[in-house]
Amino acid sequence: MKITGIELRRIAMPLVAPFRTSFGTETERDVLLLRVVTPDAEGWAECVAMTDPLYSPEYVDGAADVLRRFLIPALPTHPDAHTVGRALHPFKGHRMAKAALETAVLDAQLRTTGQSLAAFLGAAKDRVPSGVSVGIMDSIPHLLDTVEDYLHQGYLRIKLKIEPGWDLAPVRAVRERFGDDLLLQVDANAAYTLTDAPHLTKLDAFDLLLIEQPLANDDLVQHAQLAKLLKTPICLDESIESAEHAAAAITLGSCSIINVKPGRIGGYLEARRIHDLARAHGVALWCGGMLETGIGRAANLALAALPGFTLPGDTSASRRYYATDITTPFELRQGHLDVPTGPGIGIDPIPDILEEVTTSTEWITL
């Protein structure tokens, strides 16, 4: 497959409401989209890097820079998704940028052959259960109203963002208000240390599905120590940047569940490797989210349809984050989202909407 050029497109996507986590608050996403053009097809992908290096060392300006200066020039003459990965391997880090480039090439490749991303990855389902991530609120009543609204919309699982000072009280309030049958989990985004273990054990009383990334990203050993102290299963997110990281975490006993975010680990091929590894070791998986537009959401749904993804993920409906998505919106149906079946990621941006939210474009000829 010959690539004639690649477009880097920046778009500004205001969120329907501020989204606060332990590391910051987002009100708008500065999104980097990639469009790979070949004589036979166009492939799309979304880079999930945030505006600032708060969730990870990557950020949007840095991703665009490394793509134009290093990653795109390193592409082979006739790339496919597998040769892209090998060509980009010598460059350290920048997994979100690598994931976007690999995915755009893969999308173009699959559109040429007429195969869906879901079929290529080995999907076993045509729809996936949908959960929703609830940010840190200004009050318990506001939180309860928000959770109630999401449950009325049909979401099957609630995830609460937590941090020191906003953990036991909100979890207790949600559990008491909505009962023991609610699938409930929490996400700390590395906000605690091992010295907080006595406090974190108090979460065991609320029968949570899991506690996600309680400790530092780079500390698998202390997560393993914490896992011995908690009854609540530990799920790792930011700590897992590759299949090698996943293997180390499983060997150490650092987690029993993994949140797979394709952008964080370098792409969907690496995500499939983690899937196969975790499934072989009896480790549960779910697909996380990074406030993606419909472009990134479509690809995530294809991944979440693999058989090892047994827990509801953060693949929420489009309107969870955006009043108007850049694609046909994904709608919740009986607590599930349909997996796209068209070639590649199975969805395209709507030209008029895309143009309206575009802040800049850059064309790179190969």
Protein backbone atom coordinates (compact mmCIF):
# COMPACT_ATOMS: atom_id res chain seq x y z
CA MET A 1 0.00 0.00 0.00
CA LYS A 2 1.50 3.30 -1.12
CA ILE A 3 0.84 6.40 1.00
CA THR A 4 0.74 9.64 -0.97
CA GLY A 5 0.41 11.95 2.01
CA ILE A 6 -0.68 12.42 5.62
CA GLU A 7 -2.77 15.22 7.05
CA LEU A 8 -2.35 16.41 10.63
CA ARG A 9 -5.56 18.17 11.64
CA ARG A 10 -6.17 19.95 14.95
CA ILE A 11 -9.74 20.40 16.14
CA ALA A 12 -11.22 22.06 19.23
CA MET A 13 -13.98 20.07 20.94
CA PRO A 14 -15.74 21.72 23.92
CA LEU A 15 -16.96 19.28 26.56
CA VAL A 16 -20.61 19.34 27.62
CA ALA A 17 -19.40 19.77 31.22
CA PRO A 18 -16.00 20.16 32.93
CA PHE A 19 -14.33 16.81 33.64
CA ARG A 20 -12.24 16.83 36.81
CA THR A 21 -9.79 14.15 37.90
CA SER A 22 -7.08 14.06 40.56
CA PHE A 23 -4.60 15.58 38.08
CA GLY A 24 -6.68 18.41 36.60
CA THR A 25 -9.87 19.67 34.98
CA GLU A 26 -10.68 19.64 31.27
CA THR A 27 -13.27 21.88 29.63
CA GLU A 28 -12.20 21.41 26.00
CA ARG A 29 -10.19 18.88 24.06
CA ASP A 30 -7.49 19.97 21.64
CA VAL A 31 -7.60 16.91 19.38
CA LEU A 32 -5.00 15.82 16.84
CA LEU A 33 -6.48 13.78 13.98
CA LEU A 34 -4.46 11.91 11.36
CA ARG A 35 -5.65 11.22 7.82
CA VAL A 36 -3.55 8.80 5.77
CA VAL A 37 -4.21 9.07 2.02
CA THR A 38 -3.49 6.28 -0.46
CA PRO A 39 -4.56 5.86 -4.11
CA ASP A 40 -7.34 3.52 -2.96
CA ALA A 41 -8.53 4.73 0.45
CA GLU A 42 -8.18 7.17 3.32
CA GLY A 43 -7.46 6.09 6.89
CA TRP A 44 -8.38 8.06 10.00
CA ALA A 45 -7.09 7.99 13.56
CA GLU A 46 -7.21 10.12 16.70
CA CYS A 47 -4.24 10.89 18.92
CA VAL A 48 -5.40 10.80 22.55
CA ALA A 49 -2.63 13.02 23.96
CA MET A 50 -3.96 15.80 26.18
CA THR A 51 -3.11 19.50 25.91
CA ASP A 52 -0.75 19.33 28.90
CA PRO A 53 1.52 16.48 30.08
CA LEU A 54 -0.55 15.68 33.18
CA TYR A 55 -1.99 12.21 32.52
CA SER A 56 1.23 11.10 30.81
CA PRO A 57 4.44 12.74 29.55
CA GLU A 58 2.84 13.15 26.12
CA TYR A 59 0.94 16.25 25.01
CA VAL A 60 -0.66 17.35 21.75
CA ASP A 61 2.00 19.77 20.50
CA GLY A 62 4.70 17.21 21.28
CA ALA A 63 2.80 14.45 19.47
CA ALA A 64 2.43 16.60 16.35
CA ASP A 65 6.12 17.51 16.46
CA VAL A 66 7.41 13.95 16.80
CA LEU A 67 5.07 12.78 14.05
CA ARG A 68 6.25 15.35 11.51
CA ARG A 69 9.95 15.24 12.43
CA PHE A 70 10.56 11.56 13.15
CA LEU A 71 7.71 9.07 12.89
CA ILE A 72 6.18 9.92 9.53
CA PRO A 73 9.59 10.20 7.79
CA ALA A 74 10.46 6.74 9.16
CA LEU A 75 7.54 5.02 7.42
CA PRO A 76 8.51 2.34 4.89
CA THR A 77 7.67 2.93 1.23
CA HIS A 78 4.72 0.54 1.23
CA PRO A 79 3.66 0.22 4.87
CA ASP A 80 1.08 -1.91 6.57
CA ALA A 81 0.19 -1.87 10.26
CA HIS A 82 2.84 -4.48 11.15
CA THR A 83 5.70 -2.80 9.30
CA VAL A 84 4.72 0.57 10.80
CA GLY A 85 5.27 -0.82 14.28
CA ARG A 86 8.71 -2.14 13.37
CA ALA A 87 9.70 1.14 11.70
CA LEU A 88 8.69 3.20 14.73
CA HIS A 89 10.20 0.89 17.34
CA PRO A 90 13.66 2.61 17.47
CA PHE A 91 12.06 5.85 18.71
CA LYS A 92 11.66 5.84 22.49
CA GLY A 93 8.28 6.55 24.04
CA HIS A 94 5.67 8.68 22.24
CA ARG A 95 3.22 5.79 22.28
CA MET A 96 0.16 7.99 21.70
CA ALA A 97 1.68 9.46 18.55
CA LYS A 98 2.78 6.01 17.38
CA ALA A 99 -0.68 4.59 18.06
CA ALA A 100 -2.34 7.29 15.96
CA LEU A 101 -0.02 6.73 13.01
CA GLU A 102 -0.30 2.94 13.15
CA THR A 103 -4.09 3.13 13.43
CA ALA A 104 -4.50 5.52 10.50
CA VAL A 105 -2.37 3.23 8.32
CA LEU A 106 -4.33 0.19 9.52
CA ASP A 107 -7.63 1.94 8.81
CA ALA A 108 -6.56 2.73 5.24
CA GLN A 109 -5.30 -0.83 4.79
CA LEU A 110 -8.56 -2.39 6.01
CA ARG A 111 -10.71 -0.02 3.97
CA THR A 112 -8.78 -1.16 0.90
CA THR A 113 -9.47 -4.84 1.64
CA GLY A 114 -13.01 -4.27 2.91
CA GLN A 115 -12.40 -5.76 6.36
CA SER A 116 -13.61 -4.16 9.59
CA LEU A 117 -11.20 -3.40 12.42
CA ALA A 118 -13.34 -5.55 14.71
CA ALA A 119 -13.00 -8.57 12.42
CA PHE A 120 -9.26 -7.95 11.98
CA LEU A 121 -8.69 -7.88 15.76
CA GLY A 122 -10.84 -10.96 16.38
CA ALA A 123 -14.01 -9.49 17.87
CA ALA A 124 -16.51 -11.90 19.36
CA LYS A 125 -19.41 -9.48 19.93
CA ASP A 126 -21.43 -7.07 17.85
CA ARG A 127 -22.16 -4.73 20.77
CA VAL A 128 -20.38 -3.98 24.04
CA PRO A 129 -21.64 -3.03 27.51
CA SER A 130 -21.10 0.61 28.31
CA GLY A 131 -19.96 2.23 31.54
CA VAL A 132 -19.45 5.88 32.34
CA SER A 133 -16.70 7.76 34.16
CA VAL A 134 -17.89 10.42 36.62
CA GLY A 135 -15.46 13.18 37.47
CA ILE A 136 -14.82 14.75 40.87
CA MET A 137 -17.76 16.98 41.78
CA ASP A 138 -18.20 20.09 43.91
CA SER A 139 -20.67 18.36 46.23
CA ILE A 140 -22.22 15.00 47.11
CA PRO A 141 -25.74 16.08 46.00
CA HIS A 142 -24.34 17.12 42.61
CA LEU A 143 -22.62 13.74 42.32
CA LEU A 144 -25.79 11.82 43.19
CA ASP A 145 -27.85 13.75 40.65
CA THR A 146 -25.22 13.09 37.98
CA VAL A 147 -25.05 9.36 38.71
CA GLU A 148 -28.85 9.12 38.72
CA ASP A 149 -28.99 10.76 35.30
CA TYR A 150 -26.43 8.34 33.86
CA LEU A 151 -28.32 5.35 35.26
CA HIS A 152 -31.54 6.66 33.71
CA GLN A 153 -29.70 6.87 30.40
CA GLY A 154 -28.95 3.16 30.74
CA TYR A 155 -25.27 2.95 31.67
CA LEU A 156 -24.45 -0.43 33.18
CA ARG A 157 -21.48 0.58 35.33
CA ILE A 158 -20.46 3.72 37.20
CA LYS A 159 -16.83 4.75 37.75
CA LEU A 160 -16.11 7.48 40.29
CA LYS A 161 -12.93 9.52 40.10
CA ILE A 162 -11.42 9.84 43.58
CA GLU A 163 -8.57 11.63 45.35
CA PRO A 164 -7.56 12.19 48.98
CA GLY A 165 -10.45 14.03 50.59
CA TRP A 166 -12.93 12.83 47.96
CA ASP A 167 -13.17 9.07 48.30
CA LEU A 168 -15.02 7.37 51.16
CA ALA A 169 -17.84 9.90 51.45
CA PRO A 170 -18.83 9.97 47.75
CA VAL A 171 -18.51 6.19 47.41
CA ARG A 172 -20.63 5.64 50.52
CA ALA A 173 -23.25 8.10 49.29
CA VAL A 174 -23.53 6.47 45.86
CA ARG A 175 -23.71 2.98 47.32
CA GLU A 176 -26.37 3.94 49.86
CA ARG A 177 -28.43 5.84 47.29
CA PHE A 178 -28.35 3.28 44.48
CA GLY A 179 -27.93 -0.02 46.29
CA ASP A 180 -25.67 -3.01 46.30
CA ASP A 181 -26.61 -4.15 42.78
CA LEU A 182 -24.98 -1.14 41.13
CA LEU A 183 -21.72 -2.05 39.36
CA LEU A 184 -19.45 0.54 40.98
CA GLN A 185 -15.72 1.15 40.74
CA VAL A 186 -13.29 3.96 41.53
CA ASP A 187 -10.31 5.50 39.78
CA ALA A 188 -7.55 7.32 41.68
CA ASN A 189 -5.26 8.23 38.76
CA ALA A 190 -2.22 7.56 40.99
CA ALA A 191 -3.33 10.01 43.69
CA TYR A 192 -2.30 7.88 46.71
CA THR A 193 0.84 6.32 48.22
CA LEU A 194 1.36 3.05 50.04
CA THR A 195 1.14 4.90 53.36
CA ASP A 196 -2.54 5.46 52.50
CA ALA A 197 -3.19 1.71 52.56
CA PRO A 198 -5.07 1.74 55.91
CA HIS A 199 -7.38 4.40 54.50
CA LEU A 200 -7.85 2.60 51.16
CA THR A 201 -8.82 -0.64 52.92
CA LYS A 202 -11.95 1.18 54.10
CA LEU A 203 -13.18 1.02 50.50
CA ASP A 204 -13.49 -2.75 50.90
CA ALA A 205 -16.77 -2.20 52.72
CA PHE A 206 -18.48 -0.97 49.53
CA ASP A 207 -18.14 -4.11 47.36
CA LEU A 208 -16.45 -2.30 44.49
CA LEU A 209 -15.63 -3.96 41.19
CA LEU A 210 -12.12 -2.53 41.45
CA ILE A 211 -9.92 0.36 42.45
CA GLU A 212 -8.05 1.70 39.44
CA GLN A 213 -4.45 2.94 39.58
CA PRO A 214 -4.28 3.87 43.27
CA LEU A 215 -0.47 4.37 43.37
CA ALA A 216 2.26 5.86 41.18
CA ASN A 217 2.43 4.90 37.52
CA ASP A 218 5.93 3.44 37.75
CA ASP A 219 5.53 1.42 40.95
CA LEU A 220 4.45 -2.15 40.24
CA VAL A 221 6.12 -3.43 43.41
CA GLN A 222 4.11 -1.28 45.80
CA HIS A 223 0.92 -2.07 43.91
CA ALA A 224 1.69 -5.74 44.58
CA GLN A 225 2.11 -4.94 48.28
CA LEU A 226 -1.15 -3.01 48.32
CA ALA A 227 -2.97 -5.85 46.56
CA LYS A 228 -2.16 -8.10 49.54
CA LEU A 229 -3.80 -5.61 51.91
CA LEU A 230 -7.01 -4.92 49.98
CA LYS A 231 -10.01 -7.14 49.32
CA THR A 232 -11.00 -4.81 46.48
CA PRO A 233 -9.29 -5.91 43.22
CA ILE A 234 -6.61 -3.58 41.90
CA CYS A 235 -6.83 -2.52 38.25
CA LEU A 236 -3.83 -0.92 36.56
CA ASP A 237 -4.16 1.80 33.94
CA GLU A 238 -1.27 4.26 33.65
CA SER A 239 1.22 1.60 34.80
CA ILE A 240 0.57 -0.55 31.72
CA GLU A 241 2.32 0.90 28.67
CA SER A 242 3.06 -2.35 26.82
CA ALA A 243 2.59 -6.10 26.87
CA GLU A 244 5.90 -6.30 28.74
CA HIS A 245 4.54 -4.05 31.49
CA ALA A 246 1.40 -6.18 31.64
CA ALA A 247 3.48 -9.36 31.96
CA ALA A 248 5.53 -7.86 34.79
CA ALA A 249 2.41 -6.69 36.64
CA ILE A 250 0.81 -10.11 36.34
CA THR A 251 3.98 -11.88 37.50
CA LEU A 252 4.36 -9.59 40.53
CA GLY A 253 0.69 -9.79 41.45
CA SER A 254 0.33 -6.02 41.06
CA CYS A 255 -3.17 -6.30 39.63
CA SER A 256 -5.94 -8.73 38.75
CA ILE A 257 -7.60 -6.42 36.20
CA ILE A 258 -6.16 -4.25 33.42
CA ASN A 259 -7.65 -1.17 31.79
CA VAL A 260 -6.45 -1.21 28.18
CA LYS A 261 -6.19 2.18 26.49
CA PRO A 262 -4.83 1.65 22.97
CA GLY A 263 -3.35 5.14 22.74
CA ARG A 264 -1.43 4.73 25.97
CA ILE A 265 0.16 1.43 24.92
CA GLY A 266 1.07 2.26 21.34
CA GLY A 267 -1.87 1.00 19.31
CA TYR A 268 -4.39 -1.74 18.67
CA LEU A 269 -1.87 -4.43 17.75
CA GLU A 270 -0.18 -4.03 21.13
CA ALA A 271 -3.63 -3.97 22.74
CA ARG A 272 -4.37 -7.33 21.16
CA ARG A 273 -1.10 -8.71 22.53
CA ILE A 274 -2.08 -7.57 26.03
CA HIS A 275 -5.51 -9.12 25.51
CA ASP A 276 -4.02 -12.48 24.62
CA LEU A 277 -1.55 -12.37 27.52
CA ALA A 278 -4.17 -11.39 30.10
CA ARG A 279 -6.66 -13.96 28.87
CA ALA A 280 -4.04 -16.70 29.13
CA HIS A 281 -3.43 -15.74 32.78
CA GLY A 282 -7.05 -15.23 33.83
CA VAL A 283 -6.70 -11.45 34.19
CA ALA A 284 -9.87 -9.49 33.43
CA LEU A 285 -9.83 -6.63 30.93
CA TRP A 286 -11.87 -3.60 30.03
CA CYS A 287 -11.36 -0.84 27.48
CA GLY A 288 -10.73 2.62 28.87
CA GLY A 289 -11.40 5.97 27.29
CA MET A 290 -9.62 9.29 26.78
CA LEU A 291 -12.63 11.48 25.95
CA GLU A 292 -12.38 10.40 22.31
CA THR A 293 -14.44 11.76 19.47
CA GLY A 294 -16.31 9.30 17.28
CA ILE A 295 -13.08 8.49 15.41
CA GLY A 296 -11.31 7.13 18.49
CA ARG A 297 -14.52 5.74 19.99
CA ALA A 298 -15.22 3.60 16.92
CA ALA A 299 -11.80 1.95 17.11
CA ASN A 300 -12.14 1.38 20.86
CA LEU A 301 -15.46 -0.38 20.36
CA ALA A 302 -13.79 -2.79 17.94
CA LEU A 303 -11.20 -3.62 20.60
CA ALA A 304 -13.75 -3.90 23.41
CA ALA A 305 -15.57 -6.57 21.39
CA LEU A 306 -12.71 -9.07 21.84
CA PRO A 307 -13.61 -12.03 24.08
CA GLY A 308 -11.21 -11.14 26.90
CA PHE A 309 -12.91 -7.81 27.56
CA THR A 310 -15.39 -9.05 30.12
CA LEU A 311 -16.06 -5.86 32.12
CA PRO A 312 -17.98 -2.78 30.94
CA GLY A 313 -15.56 -0.13 29.73
CA ASP A 314 -15.52 3.64 29.41
CA THR A 315 -16.85 3.46 25.84
CA SER A 316 -19.67 5.88 26.59
CA ALA A 317 -22.11 7.41 24.12
CA SER A 318 -20.96 10.46 22.17
CA ARG A 319 -23.19 12.85 24.09
CA ARG A 320 -21.47 11.93 27.36
CA TYR A 321 -18.73 14.36 26.33
CA TYR A 322 -19.81 16.26 23.21
CA ALA A 323 -23.01 18.06 22.25
CA THR A 324 -22.04 17.49 18.62
CA ASP A 325 -19.57 14.79 17.63
CA ILE A 326 -17.52 14.95 14.43
CA THR A 327 -19.02 11.63 13.30
CA THR A 328 -22.50 10.15 13.37
CA PRO A 329 -23.00 9.96 17.15
CA PHE A 330 -22.77 6.70 19.04
CA GLU A 331 -26.02 6.15 20.91
CA LEU A 332 -26.64 3.98 23.96
CA ARG A 333 -29.03 1.08 23.30
CA GLN A 334 -30.09 -1.00 26.30
CA GLY A 335 -26.83 -0.15 28.02
CA HIS A 336 -24.70 -1.15 25.03
CA LEU A 337 -22.98 0.45 22.05
CA ASP A 338 -22.95 -1.19 18.64
CA VAL A 339 -19.58 -2.19 17.21
CA PRO A 340 -19.02 -0.63 13.75
CA THR A 341 -19.08 -3.22 10.97
CA GLY A 342 -17.96 -1.17 7.98
CA PRO A 343 -14.45 -1.38 6.52
CA GLY A 344 -11.67 -0.15 8.81
CA ILE A 345 -12.91 1.72 11.86
CA GLY A 346 -16.30 1.80 10.15
CA ILE A 347 -17.01 5.51 10.46
CA ASP A 348 -15.99 8.81 8.86
CA PRO A 349 -16.02 12.40 10.06
CA ILE A 350 -18.87 14.55 8.81
CA PRO A 351 -17.17 17.12 6.54
CA ASP A 352 -19.20 20.20 7.53
CA ILE A 353 -18.86 19.54 11.26
CA LEU A 354 -15.18 18.68 10.93
CA GLU A 355 -14.49 21.92 9.09
CA GLU A 356 -16.36 23.94 11.71
CA VAL A 357 -14.21 22.66 14.60
CA THR A 358 -10.87 22.61 12.75
CA THR A 359 -8.23 24.99 14.07
CA SER A 360 -5.34 24.03 11.76
CA THR A 361 -4.27 21.54 9.10
CA GLU A 362 -0.87 20.43 7.86
CA TRP A 363 -0.21 18.28 4.82
CA ILE A 364 2.88 16.09 4.69
CA THR A 365 3.77 14.59 1.30
CA LEU A 366 5.54 11.23 1.27
